[in-house]
Amino acid sequence: MDIGLLRTFLEVSKTRHFGKAAENLYLTQSAVSFRIRQLEDLVGLPLFTRQRNNIMLTSAGERLIPHAENILASWQIALQDVGVPEQQEMHLSLGGISNLWGTFLQSTIPKIAESFPHISIRTEINSHLELTRALIAGRLDMAVVLDPPNVAELKTRKIGQIELALVSNIKRARFSDIDELGYIFVDWGTAFNLKHAKLFKKPVAPVLHTEQSQIALEFLLTNGGVAFLPMGQLQAYLDEGLLYLVEGVKPVKRAVYAVYGKSTKEHLSVTPILDLLNDVEFKPEVTMQPDLNKGSSN
């Protein structure tokens, strides 16, 4: 199997255009068409229906996508593992949801590297579902998540918690002011969303919906509004009077979990890494610095 055939197939399925796929892959359009025909010959079925200005995946093409992604990811991991210098005795592929990278994992990776001098680390940011698939397929050794999967092949360990506070750029803001101020919805996972639904008796249309707390924080500081954000990320802004706790709303605590396979690879002992993750405080070491020139309403 030529890996280039699968890479070309995925690019065409993403762009739905042979010309754009050719540009992105630095190939000619005829080369892209030839590769797709080769792959269709190998599969024995058409992967695309070609109509004028309209390229659609066939049912066979749809089914091939996750397999192609897994093969390419596994091949990349194999190349990295083979290419790791001999002095790097441990290889860790670590995944996490986007919100936990900014609030925790980004500052944790240097600590892992410092504590395990001969480790090689590969990282991945993805959704809970995709991280679970990667763990089961063996493409990841460990993932840090908010909603651990209930899957027989995986183990789970609680490594900490984050405290989410409802804050605004307006002093003495109340929960009843949310519609007027503008609500910024940050997706903190299924358990949070259930608590969120109980708190909001009627639906609130957010001015911004995001999976990244840093985006929400920047929007809040620039445009104003109300959002649930981690206390570790907020403290400097609360101290400087740029943000304020919304009156009458208690912080929501969310447990954070490490998930890993029951049969770990020979190259990795997860216990000391789990112990390190358990000891690290859940707050970002590098955040936006409070800008005292930014206006806040008092």
C-alpha atoms as a PDB file:
ATOM      1  CA  MET A   1       0.000   0.000   0.000  1.00  0.00           C
ATOM      2  CA  ASP A   2       1.339   3.433  -0.990  1.00  0.00           C
ATOM      3  CA  ILE A   3       0.659   5.789   1.921  1.00  0.00           C
ATOM      4  CA  GLY A   4       0.490   8.630  -0.592  1.00  0.00           C
ATOM      5  CA  LEU A   5      -2.705   7.160  -2.047  1.00  0.00           C
ATOM      6  CA  LEU A   6      -4.484   7.408   1.299  1.00  0.00           C
ATOM      7  CA  ARG A   7      -3.150  10.910   1.931  1.00  0.00           C
ATOM      8  CA  THR A   8      -4.443  12.005  -1.467  1.00  0.00           C
ATOM      9  CA  PHE A   9      -7.813  10.348  -0.843  1.00  0.00           C
ATOM     10  CA  LEU A  10      -8.241  12.191   2.479  1.00  0.00           C
ATOM     11  CA  GLU A  11      -7.287  15.519   0.921  1.00  0.00           C
ATOM     12  CA  VAL A  12      -9.835  15.099  -1.885  1.00  0.00           C
ATOM     13  CA  SER A  13     -12.504  14.025   0.622  1.00  0.00           C
ATOM     14  CA  LYS A  14     -11.764  17.173   2.650  1.00  0.00           C
ATOM     15  CA  THR A  15     -11.659  19.686  -0.217  1.00  0.00           C
ATOM     16  CA  ARG A  16     -14.182  17.919  -2.499  1.00  0.00           C
ATOM     17  CA  HIS A  17     -12.128  19.346  -5.345  1.00  0.00           C
ATOM     18  CA  PHE A  18      -9.329  17.677  -7.322  1.00  0.00           C
ATOM     19  CA  GLY A  19      -7.705  20.997  -8.219  1.00  0.00           C
ATOM     20  CA  LYS A  20      -7.609  22.270  -4.622  1.00  0.00           C
ATOM     21  CA  ALA A  21      -6.342  18.911  -3.402  1.00  0.00           C
ATOM     22  CA  ALA A  22      -3.576  19.054  -5.998  1.00  0.00           C
ATOM     23  CA  GLU A  23      -2.550  22.533  -4.821  1.00  0.00           C
ATOM     24  CA  ASN A  24      -2.476  21.474  -1.165  1.00  0.00           C
ATOM     25  CA  LEU A  25      -0.412  18.366  -1.965  1.00  0.00           C
ATOM     26  CA  TYR A  26       1.882  20.156  -4.444  1.00  0.00           C
ATOM     27  CA  LEU A  27       0.859  17.764  -7.215  1.00  0.00           C
ATOM     28  CA  THR A  28      -0.674  18.136 -10.626  1.00  0.00           C
ATOM     29  CA  GLN A  29      -4.402  17.527 -10.948  1.00  0.00           C
ATOM     30  CA  SER A  30      -3.756  14.600 -13.272  1.00  0.00           C
ATOM     31  CA  ALA A  31      -1.492  13.034 -10.604  1.00  0.00           C
ATOM     32  CA  VAL A  32      -4.259  13.356  -8.012  1.00  0.00           C
ATOM     33  CA  SER A  33      -6.794  11.769 -10.382  1.00  0.00           C
ATOM     34  CA  PHE A  34      -4.357   8.936 -11.142  1.00  0.00           C
ATOM     35  CA  ARG A  35      -3.785   8.231  -7.439  1.00  0.00           C
ATOM     36  CA  ILE A  36      -7.521   8.103  -6.748  1.00  0.00           C
ATOM     37  CA  ARG A  37      -7.992   5.652  -9.647  1.00  0.00           C
ATOM     38  CA  GLN A  38      -5.175   3.505  -8.256  1.00  0.00           C
ATOM     39  CA  LEU A  39      -6.798   3.434  -4.825  1.00  0.00           C
ATOM     40  CA  GLU A  40     -10.208   2.622  -6.322  1.00  0.00           C
ATOM     41  CA  ASP A  41      -8.601  -0.264  -8.227  1.00  0.00           C
ATOM     42  CA  LEU A  42      -7.118  -1.573  -4.964  1.00  0.00           C
ATOM     43  CA  VAL A  43     -10.398  -1.243  -3.088  1.00  0.00           C
ATOM     44  CA  GLY A  44     -12.436  -2.546  -5.992  1.00  0.00           C
ATOM     45  CA  LEU A  45     -15.113   0.124  -5.634  1.00  0.00           C
ATOM     46  CA  PRO A  46     -15.550   3.766  -6.647  1.00  0.00           C
ATOM     47  CA  LEU A  47     -14.750   6.177  -3.811  1.00  0.00           C
ATOM     48  CA  PHE A  48     -16.172   9.352  -5.365  1.00  0.00           C
ATOM     49  CA  THR A  49     -19.018  10.214  -7.680  1.00  0.00           C
ATOM     50  CA  ARG A  50     -17.781  12.781 -10.155  1.00  0.00           C
ATOM     51  CA  GLN A  51     -20.273  15.289 -11.459  1.00  0.00           C
ATOM     52  CA  ARG A  52     -19.623  18.720 -12.863  1.00  0.00           C
ATOM     53  CA  ASN A  53     -18.475  21.001 -10.015  1.00  0.00           C
ATOM     54  CA  ASN A  54     -19.660  18.415  -7.520  1.00  0.00           C
ATOM     55  CA  ILE A  55     -17.485  15.630  -6.073  1.00  0.00           C
ATOM     56  CA  MET A  56     -19.228  13.436  -3.512  1.00  0.00           C
ATOM     57  CA  LEU A  57     -18.021  10.486  -1.469  1.00  0.00           C
ATOM     58  CA  THR A  58     -19.659   7.149  -2.193  1.00  0.00           C
ATOM     59  CA  SER A  59     -20.739   4.945   0.712  1.00  0.00           C
ATOM     60  CA  ALA A  60     -17.471   3.020   0.259  1.00  0.00           C
ATOM     61  CA  GLY A  61     -15.543   6.286   0.407  1.00  0.00           C
ATOM     62  CA  GLU A  62     -17.312   7.294   3.622  1.00  0.00           C
ATOM     63  CA  ARG A  63     -16.422   3.949   5.215  1.00  0.00           C
ATOM     64  CA  LEU A  64     -12.799   4.237   4.123  1.00  0.00           C
ATOM     65  CA  ILE A  65     -12.152   7.600   5.808  1.00  0.00           C
ATOM     66  CA  PRO A  66     -11.670   6.394   9.431  1.00  0.00           C
ATOM     67  CA  HIS A  67      -9.521   3.475   8.261  1.00  0.00           C
ATOM     68  CA  ALA A  68      -7.349   5.784   6.149  1.00  0.00           C
ATOM     69  CA  GLU A  69      -6.941   8.186   9.091  1.00  0.00           C
ATOM     70  CA  ASN A  70      -5.964   5.320  11.410  1.00  0.00           C
ATOM     71  CA  ILE A  71      -3.438   3.914   8.945  1.00  0.00           C
ATOM     72  CA  LEU A  72      -1.792   7.302   8.386  1.00  0.00           C
ATOM     73  CA  ALA A  73      -1.699   8.044  12.110  1.00  0.00           C
ATOM     74  CA  SER A  74      -0.221   4.619  12.890  1.00  0.00           C
ATOM     75  CA  TRP A  75       2.384   5.038  10.163  1.00  0.00           C
ATOM     76  CA  GLN A  76       3.393   8.443  11.541  1.00  0.00           C
ATOM     77  CA  ILE A  77       3.717   6.994  15.036  1.00  0.00           C
ATOM     78  CA  ALA A  78       5.819   4.115  13.685  1.00  0.00           C
ATOM     79  CA  LEU A  79       8.176   6.558  11.965  1.00  0.00           C
ATOM     80  CA  GLN A  80       8.515   8.598  15.148  1.00  0.00           C
ATOM     81  CA  ASP A  81       9.153   5.533  17.323  1.00  0.00           C
ATOM     82  CA  VAL A  82      11.764   4.110  14.950  1.00  0.00           C
ATOM     83  CA  GLY A  83      13.432   7.499  14.600  1.00  0.00           C
ATOM     84  CA  VAL A  84      13.680   8.216  18.337  1.00  0.00           C
ATOM     85  CA  PRO A  85      17.334   8.255  19.476  1.00  0.00           C
ATOM     86  CA  GLU A  86      18.379   5.263  21.568  1.00  0.00           C
ATOM     87  CA  GLN A  87      19.041   7.448  24.630  1.00  0.00           C
ATOM     88  CA  GLN A  88      15.332   8.313  24.766  1.00  0.00           C
ATOM     89  CA  GLU A  89      14.100   5.203  26.542  1.00  0.00           C
ATOM     90  CA  MET A  90      10.457   6.232  27.070  1.00  0.00           C
ATOM     91  CA  HIS A  91       7.891   7.273  24.460  1.00  0.00           C
ATOM     92  CA  LEU A  92       4.684   8.950  25.602  1.00  0.00           C
ATOM     93  CA  SER A  93       1.827   9.842  23.268  1.00  0.00           C
ATOM     94  CA  LEU A  94      -0.383  12.170  25.303  1.00  0.00           C
ATOM     95  CA  GLY A  95      -3.775  13.500  24.256  1.00  0.00           C
ATOM     96  CA  GLY A  96      -6.170  15.990  25.748  1.00  0.00           C
ATOM     97  CA  ILE A  97      -9.246  18.056  25.027  1.00  0.00           C
ATOM     98  CA  SER A  98      -8.526  21.621  23.924  1.00  0.00           C
ATOM     99  CA  ASN A  99      -9.700  23.257  27.169  1.00  0.00           C
ATOM    100  CA  LEU A 100      -7.297  21.233  29.297  1.00  0.00           C
ATOM    101  CA  TRP A 101      -4.296  22.144  27.169  1.00  0.00           C
ATOM    102  CA  GLY A 102      -4.575  25.821  27.993  1.00  0.00           C
ATOM    103  CA  THR A 103      -5.480  25.360  31.651  1.00  0.00           C
ATOM    104  CA  PHE A 104      -3.193  22.482  32.559  1.00  0.00           C
ATOM    105  CA  LEU A 105      -1.383  20.306  30.027  1.00  0.00           C
ATOM    106  CA  GLN A 106       0.628  23.008  28.282  1.00  0.00           C
ATOM    107  CA  SER A 107       2.465  23.823  31.511  1.00  0.00           C
ATOM    108  CA  THR A 108       2.677  20.145  32.516  1.00  0.00           C
ATOM    109  CA  ILE A 109       4.649  18.851  29.527  1.00  0.00           C
ATOM    110  CA  PRO A 110       7.881  20.637  30.558  1.00  0.00           C
ATOM    111  CA  LYS A 111       7.527  19.068  34.030  1.00  0.00           C
ATOM    112  CA  ILE A 112       7.182  15.598  32.468  1.00  0.00           C
ATOM    113  CA  ALA A 113      10.253  16.204  30.308  1.00  0.00           C
ATOM    114  CA  GLU A 114      12.211  17.443  33.338  1.00  0.00           C
ATOM    115  CA  SER A 115      11.166  14.514  35.539  1.00  0.00           C
ATOM    116  CA  PHE A 116      11.874  11.898  32.844  1.00  0.00           C
ATOM    117  CA  PRO A 117      15.021  13.069  31.000  1.00  0.00           C
ATOM    118  CA  HIS A 118      14.974  10.181  28.504  1.00  0.00           C
ATOM    119  CA  ILE A 119      11.359  10.556  27.406  1.00  0.00           C
ATOM    120  CA  SER A 120      10.042  11.350  23.936  1.00  0.00           C
ATOM    121  CA  ILE A 121       6.614  13.024  23.939  1.00  0.00           C
ATOM    122  CA  ARG A 122       4.007  13.253  21.178  1.00  0.00           C
ATOM    123  CA  THR A 123       0.864  15.319  21.791  1.00  0.00           C
ATOM    124  CA  GLU A 124      -2.628  15.377  20.309  1.00  0.00           C
ATOM    125  CA  ILE A 125      -5.573  17.727  20.853  1.00  0.00           C
ATOM    126  CA  ASN A 126      -8.969  16.265  20.035  1.00  0.00           C
ATOM    127  CA  SER A 127     -12.539  15.659  21.193  1.00  0.00           C
ATOM    128  CA  HIS A 128     -13.440  13.146  23.923  1.00  0.00           C
ATOM    129  CA  LEU A 129     -14.728  10.724  21.286  1.00  0.00           C
ATOM    130  CA  GLU A 130     -11.655  10.878  19.052  1.00  0.00           C
ATOM    131  CA  LEU A 131      -9.299  10.555  22.024  1.00  0.00           C
ATOM    132  CA  THR A 132     -11.163   7.427  23.141  1.00  0.00           C
ATOM    133  CA  ARG A 133     -10.861   5.932  19.657  1.00  0.00           C
ATOM    134  CA  ALA A 134      -7.140   6.730  19.584  1.00  0.00           C
ATOM    135  CA  LEU A 135      -6.604   5.086  23.005  1.00  0.00           C
ATOM    136  CA  ILE A 136      -8.446   1.924  21.962  1.00  0.00           C
ATOM    137  CA  ALA A 137      -6.542   1.781  18.666  1.00  0.00           C
ATOM    138  CA  GLY A 138      -3.234   2.201  20.502  1.00  0.00           C
ATOM    139  CA  ARG A 139      -2.357   5.524  18.855  1.00  0.00           C
ATOM    140  CA  LEU A 140      -2.333   7.217  22.277  1.00  0.00           C
ATOM    141  CA  ASP A 141      -0.835   6.010  25.555  1.00  0.00           C
ATOM    142  CA  MET A 142      -2.804   8.406  27.736  1.00  0.00           C
ATOM    143  CA  ALA A 143      -5.439  11.139  27.493  1.00  0.00           C
ATOM    144  CA  VAL A 144      -6.496  13.810  29.977  1.00  0.00           C
ATOM    145  CA  VAL A 145     -10.241  14.462  29.859  1.00  0.00           C
ATOM    146  CA  LEU A 146     -13.232  15.769  31.806  1.00  0.00           C
ATOM    147  CA  ASP A 147     -15.682  13.017  30.857  1.00  0.00           C
ATOM    148  CA  PRO A 148     -13.922   9.623  31.127  1.00  0.00           C
ATOM    149  CA  PRO A 149     -15.220   6.913  28.771  1.00  0.00           C
ATOM    150  CA  ASN A 150     -16.828   3.807  30.219  1.00  0.00           C
ATOM    151  CA  VAL A 151     -14.920   1.348  28.051  1.00  0.00           C
ATOM    152  CA  ALA A 152     -13.701  -2.079  29.182  1.00  0.00           C
ATOM    153  CA  GLU A 153     -10.321  -1.737  27.441  1.00  0.00           C
ATOM    154  CA  LEU A 154      -9.421   1.486  29.288  1.00  0.00           C
ATOM    155  CA  LYS A 155      -8.507   2.454  32.850  1.00  0.00           C
ATOM    156  CA  THR A 156      -9.331   5.780  34.489  1.00  0.00           C
ATOM    157  CA  ARG A 157      -7.719   7.694  37.327  1.00  0.00           C
ATOM    158  CA  LYS A 158      -8.807  11.016  38.789  1.00  0.00           C
ATOM    159  CA  ILE A 159      -5.809  13.370  38.829  1.00  0.00           C
ATOM    160  CA  GLY A 160      -7.373  16.604  40.050  1.00  0.00           C
ATOM    161  CA  GLN A 161     -10.158  19.087  39.562  1.00  0.00           C
ATOM    162  CA  ILE A 162     -10.749  22.557  38.185  1.00  0.00           C
ATOM    163  CA  GLU A 163     -13.039  25.187  39.660  1.00  0.00           C
ATOM    164  CA  LEU A 164     -15.167  27.091  37.151  1.00  0.00           C
ATOM    165  CA  ALA A 165     -16.472  30.500  38.217  1.00  0.00           C
ATOM    166  CA  LEU A 166     -19.052  32.662  36.466  1.00  0.00           C
ATOM    167  CA  VAL A 167     -17.385  36.019  35.834  1.00  0.00           C
ATOM    168  CA  SER A 168     -18.142  39.273  34.070  1.00  0.00           C
ATOM    169  CA  ASN A 169     -16.324  42.470  33.171  1.00  0.00           C
ATOM    170  CA  ILE A 170     -19.108  44.346  35.019  1.00  0.00           C
ATOM    171  CA  LYS A 171     -18.840  44.899  38.767  1.00  0.00           C
ATOM    172  CA  ARG A 172     -21.747  43.577  40.849  1.00  0.00           C
ATOM    173  CA  ALA A 173     -23.247  41.770  37.844  1.00  0.00           C
ATOM    174  CA  ARG A 174     -26.098  39.413  38.720  1.00  0.00           C
ATOM    175  CA  PHE A 175     -27.241  36.194  37.132  1.00  0.00           C
ATOM    176  CA  SER A 176     -30.386  37.929  35.900  1.00  0.00           C
ATOM    177  CA  ASP A 177     -28.191  40.330  33.889  1.00  0.00           C
ATOM    178  CA  ILE A 178     -26.814  37.601  31.600  1.00  0.00           C
ATOM    179  CA  ASP A 179     -29.166  38.250  28.683  1.00  0.00           C
ATOM    180  CA  GLU A 180     -28.300  41.928  28.705  1.00  0.00           C
ATOM    181  CA  LEU A 181     -24.544  41.475  29.181  1.00  0.00           C
ATOM    182  CA  GLY A 182     -24.124  38.650  26.637  1.00  0.00           C
ATOM    183  CA  TYR A 183     -23.378  35.041  27.562  1.00  0.00           C
ATOM    184  CA  ILE A 184     -20.185  33.341  26.392  1.00  0.00           C
ATOM    185  CA  PHE A 185     -20.679  29.571  26.427  1.00  0.00           C
ATOM    186  CA  VAL A 186     -17.553  27.503  27.070  1.00  0.00           C
ATOM    187  CA  ASP A 187     -18.030  23.768  26.588  1.00  0.00           C
ATOM    188  CA  TRP A 188     -16.741  22.056  29.743  1.00  0.00           C
ATOM    189  CA  GLY A 189     -18.114  18.610  28.930  1.00  0.00           C
ATOM    190  CA  THR A 190     -21.238  16.558  29.504  1.00  0.00           C
ATOM    191  CA  ALA A 191     -21.375  16.704  33.323  1.00  0.00           C
ATOM    192  CA  PHE A 192     -20.980  20.490  33.250  1.00  0.00           C
ATOM    193  CA  ASN A 193     -23.650  20.825  30.575  1.00  0.00           C
ATOM    194  CA  LEU A 194     -26.123  18.939  32.797  1.00  0.00           C
ATOM    195  CA  LYS A 195     -25.456  21.312  35.705  1.00  0.00           C
ATOM    196  CA  HIS A 196     -25.588  24.199  33.259  1.00  0.00           C
ATOM    197  CA  ALA A 197     -29.069  23.156  32.103  1.00  0.00           C
ATOM    198  CA  LYS A 198     -30.319  23.153  35.707  1.00  0.00           C
ATOM    199  CA  LEU A 199     -28.855  26.595  36.367  1.00  0.00           C
ATOM    200  CA  PHE A 200     -30.390  28.154  33.259  1.00  0.00           C
ATOM    201  CA  LYS A 201     -34.122  27.607  33.628  1.00  0.00           C
ATOM    202  CA  LYS A 202     -34.711  28.931  30.115  1.00  0.00           C
ATOM    203  CA  PRO A 203     -32.407  28.751  27.069  1.00  0.00           C
ATOM    204  CA  VAL A 204     -29.896  31.563  26.636  1.00  0.00           C
ATOM    205  CA  ALA A 205     -28.547  32.307  23.165  1.00  0.00           C
ATOM    206  CA  PRO A 206     -24.765  32.784  23.589  1.00  0.00           C
ATOM    207  CA  VAL A 207     -22.926  35.574  21.807  1.00  0.00           C
ATOM    208  CA  LEU A 208     -19.991  33.158  21.514  1.00  0.00           C
ATOM    209  CA  HIS A 209     -19.801  29.354  21.723  1.00  0.00           C
ATOM    210  CA  THR A 210     -16.298  27.930  22.094  1.00  0.00           C
ATOM    211  CA  GLU A 211     -14.384  24.886  23.355  1.00  0.00           C
ATOM    212  CA  GLN A 212     -11.360  26.979  24.344  1.00  0.00           C
ATOM    213  CA  SER A 213     -11.317  29.005  27.543  1.00  0.00           C
ATOM    214  CA  GLN A 214      -8.513  31.258  26.279  1.00  0.00           C
ATOM    215  CA  ILE A 215     -10.692  32.383  23.363  1.00  0.00           C
ATOM    216  CA  ALA A 216     -13.558  33.053  25.776  1.00  0.00           C
ATOM    217  CA  LEU A 217     -11.262  35.009  28.117  1.00  0.00           C
ATOM    218  CA  GLU A 218      -9.919  37.206  25.337  1.00  0.00           C
ATOM    219  CA  PHE A 219     -13.443  37.851  24.044  1.00  0.00           C
ATOM    220  CA  LEU A 220     -14.664  38.693  27.550  1.00  0.00           C
ATOM    221  CA  LEU A 221     -11.842  41.176  28.156  1.00  0.00           C
ATOM    222  CA  THR A 222     -12.299  42.824  24.765  1.00  0.00           C
ATOM    223  CA  ASN A 223     -16.066  42.747  24.220  1.00  0.00           C
ATOM    224  CA  GLY A 224     -17.476  42.137  27.670  1.00  0.00           C
ATOM    225  CA  GLY A 225     -20.008  39.538  28.739  1.00  0.00           C
ATOM    226  CA  VAL A 226     -20.340  36.638  31.174  1.00  0.00           C
ATOM    227  CA  ALA A 227     -18.597  33.230  31.092  1.00  0.00           C
ATOM    228  CA  PHE A 228     -17.661  30.207  33.197  1.00  0.00           C
ATOM    229  CA  LEU A 229     -13.852  30.137  33.359  1.00  0.00           C
ATOM    230  CA  PRO A 230     -11.240  28.378  35.546  1.00  0.00           C
ATOM    231  CA  MET A 231     -10.268  30.214  38.739  1.00  0.00           C
ATOM    232  CA  GLY A 232      -6.602  29.500  38.063  1.00  0.00           C
ATOM    233  CA  GLN A 233      -6.911  31.391  34.795  1.00  0.00           C
ATOM    234  CA  LEU A 234      -8.941  34.227  36.329  1.00  0.00           C
ATOM    235  CA  GLN A 235      -7.148  35.141  39.528  1.00  0.00           C
ATOM    236  CA  ALA A 236      -4.853  37.829  38.093  1.00  0.00           C
ATOM    237  CA  TYR A 237      -7.778  39.558  36.383  1.00  0.00           C
ATOM    238  CA  LEU A 238      -9.905  39.412  39.529  1.00  0.00           C
ATOM    239  CA  ASP A 239      -7.044  40.882  41.560  1.00  0.00           C
ATOM    240  CA  GLU A 240      -6.593  43.742  39.079  1.00  0.00           C
ATOM    241  CA  GLY A 241     -10.303  44.530  38.926  1.00  0.00           C
ATOM    242  CA  LEU A 242     -10.636  43.666  35.254  1.00  0.00           C
ATOM    243  CA  LEU A 243     -13.113  40.855  35.933  1.00  0.00           C
ATOM    244  CA  TYR A 244     -15.614  40.211  38.707  1.00  0.00           C
ATOM    245  CA  LEU A 245     -17.457  37.201  40.103  1.00  0.00           C
ATOM    246  CA  VAL A 246     -21.144  37.206  39.220  1.00  0.00           C
ATOM    247  CA  GLU A 247     -23.127  37.597  42.420  1.00  0.00           C
ATOM    248  CA  GLY A 248     -25.059  34.647  43.779  1.00  0.00           C
ATOM    249  CA  VAL A 249     -23.579  31.923  41.544  1.00  0.00           C
ATOM    250  CA  LYS A 250     -21.414  29.278  43.201  1.00  0.00           C
ATOM    251  CA  PRO A 251     -18.344  27.941  41.347  1.00  0.00           C
ATOM    252  CA  VAL A 252     -18.741  24.574  39.607  1.00  0.00           C
ATOM    253  CA  LYS A 253     -16.084  21.950  40.294  1.00  0.00           C
ATOM    254  CA  ARG A 254     -15.097  19.533  37.545  1.00  0.00           C
ATOM    255  CA  ALA A 255     -12.992  16.437  38.093  1.00  0.00           C
ATOM    256  CA  VAL A 256     -10.136  15.814  35.662  1.00  0.00           C
ATOM    257  CA  TYR A 257      -9.177  12.273  34.670  1.00  0.00           C
ATOM    258  CA  ALA A 258      -6.281  10.479  33.051  1.00  0.00           C
ATOM    259  CA  VAL A 259      -7.373   7.605  30.791  1.00  0.00           C
ATOM    260  CA  TYR A 260      -5.008   4.896  29.553  1.00  0.00           C
ATOM    261  CA  GLY A 261      -5.025   1.367  28.171  1.00  0.00           C
ATOM    262  CA  LYS A 262      -5.162  -1.649  30.476  1.00  0.00           C
ATOM    263  CA  SER A 263      -2.286  -3.257  28.594  1.00  0.00           C
ATOM    264  CA  THR A 264       0.293  -0.495  28.333  1.00  0.00           C
ATOM    265  CA  LYS A 265       3.201  -0.716  25.957  1.00  0.00           C
ATOM    266  CA  GLU A 266       6.496  -2.146  27.152  1.00  0.00           C
ATOM    267  CA  HIS A 267       8.221   1.199  26.584  1.00  0.00           C
ATOM    268  CA  LEU A 268       6.050   3.034  29.105  1.00  0.00           C
ATOM    269  CA  SER A 269       5.265   2.714  32.806  1.00  0.00           C
ATOM    270  CA  VAL A 270       2.261   4.968  33.346  1.00  0.00           C
ATOM    271  CA  THR A 271       2.297   4.978  37.169  1.00  0.00           C
ATOM    272  CA  PRO A 272       5.057   7.586  37.715  1.00  0.00           C
ATOM    273  CA  ILE A 273       3.531   9.803  35.020  1.00  0.00           C
ATOM    274  CA  LEU A 274       0.103   9.527  36.656  1.00  0.00           C
ATOM    275  CA  ASP A 275       1.670  10.399  40.014  1.00  0.00           C
ATOM    276  CA  LEU A 276       3.274  13.490  38.498  1.00  0.00           C
ATOM    277  CA  LEU A 277       0.010  14.595  36.871  1.00  0.00           C
ATOM    278  CA  ASN A 278      -1.746  14.103  40.204  1.00  0.00           C
ATOM    279  CA  ASP A 279       0.761  16.390  41.956  1.00  0.00           C
ATOM    280  CA  VAL A 280       0.621  19.264  39.452  1.00  0.00           C
ATOM    281  CA  GLU A 281      -1.656  22.172  40.324  1.00  0.00           C
ATOM    282  CA  PHE A 282      -4.397  22.804  37.787  1.00  0.00           C
ATOM    283  CA  LYS A 283      -3.612  26.302  36.629  1.00  0.00           C
ATOM    284  CA  PRO A 284      -1.807  27.767  33.636  1.00  0.00           C
ATOM    285  CA  GLU A 285       1.734  28.936  34.245  1.00  0.00           C
ATOM    286  CA  VAL A 286       1.640  31.265  31.251  1.00  0.00           C
ATOM    287  CA  THR A 287      -1.464  33.347  30.678  1.00  0.00           C
ATOM    288  CA  MET A 288      -2.384  36.626  29.075  1.00  0.00           C
ATOM    289  CA  GLN A 289      -1.016  39.404  31.250  1.00  0.00           C
ATOM    290  CA  PRO A 290      -3.672  41.728  32.616  1.00  0.00           C
ATOM    291  CA  ASP A 291      -3.742  44.952  30.619  1.00  0.00           C
ATOM    292  CA  LEU A 292      -4.608  47.817  32.916  1.00  0.00           C
ATOM    293  CA  ASN A 293      -5.395  49.970  29.895  1.00  0.00           C
ATOM    294  CA  LYS A 294      -8.383  47.777  29.064  1.00  0.00           C
ATOM    295  CA  GLY A 295     -11.537  49.423  30.212  1.00  0.00           C
ATOM    296  CA  SER A 296     -13.855  47.832  32.701  1.00  0.00           C
ATOM    297  CA  SER A 297     -17.230  49.079  33.825  1.00  0.00           C
ATOM    298  CA  ASN A 298     -17.601  49.671  37.546  1.00  0.00           C
END
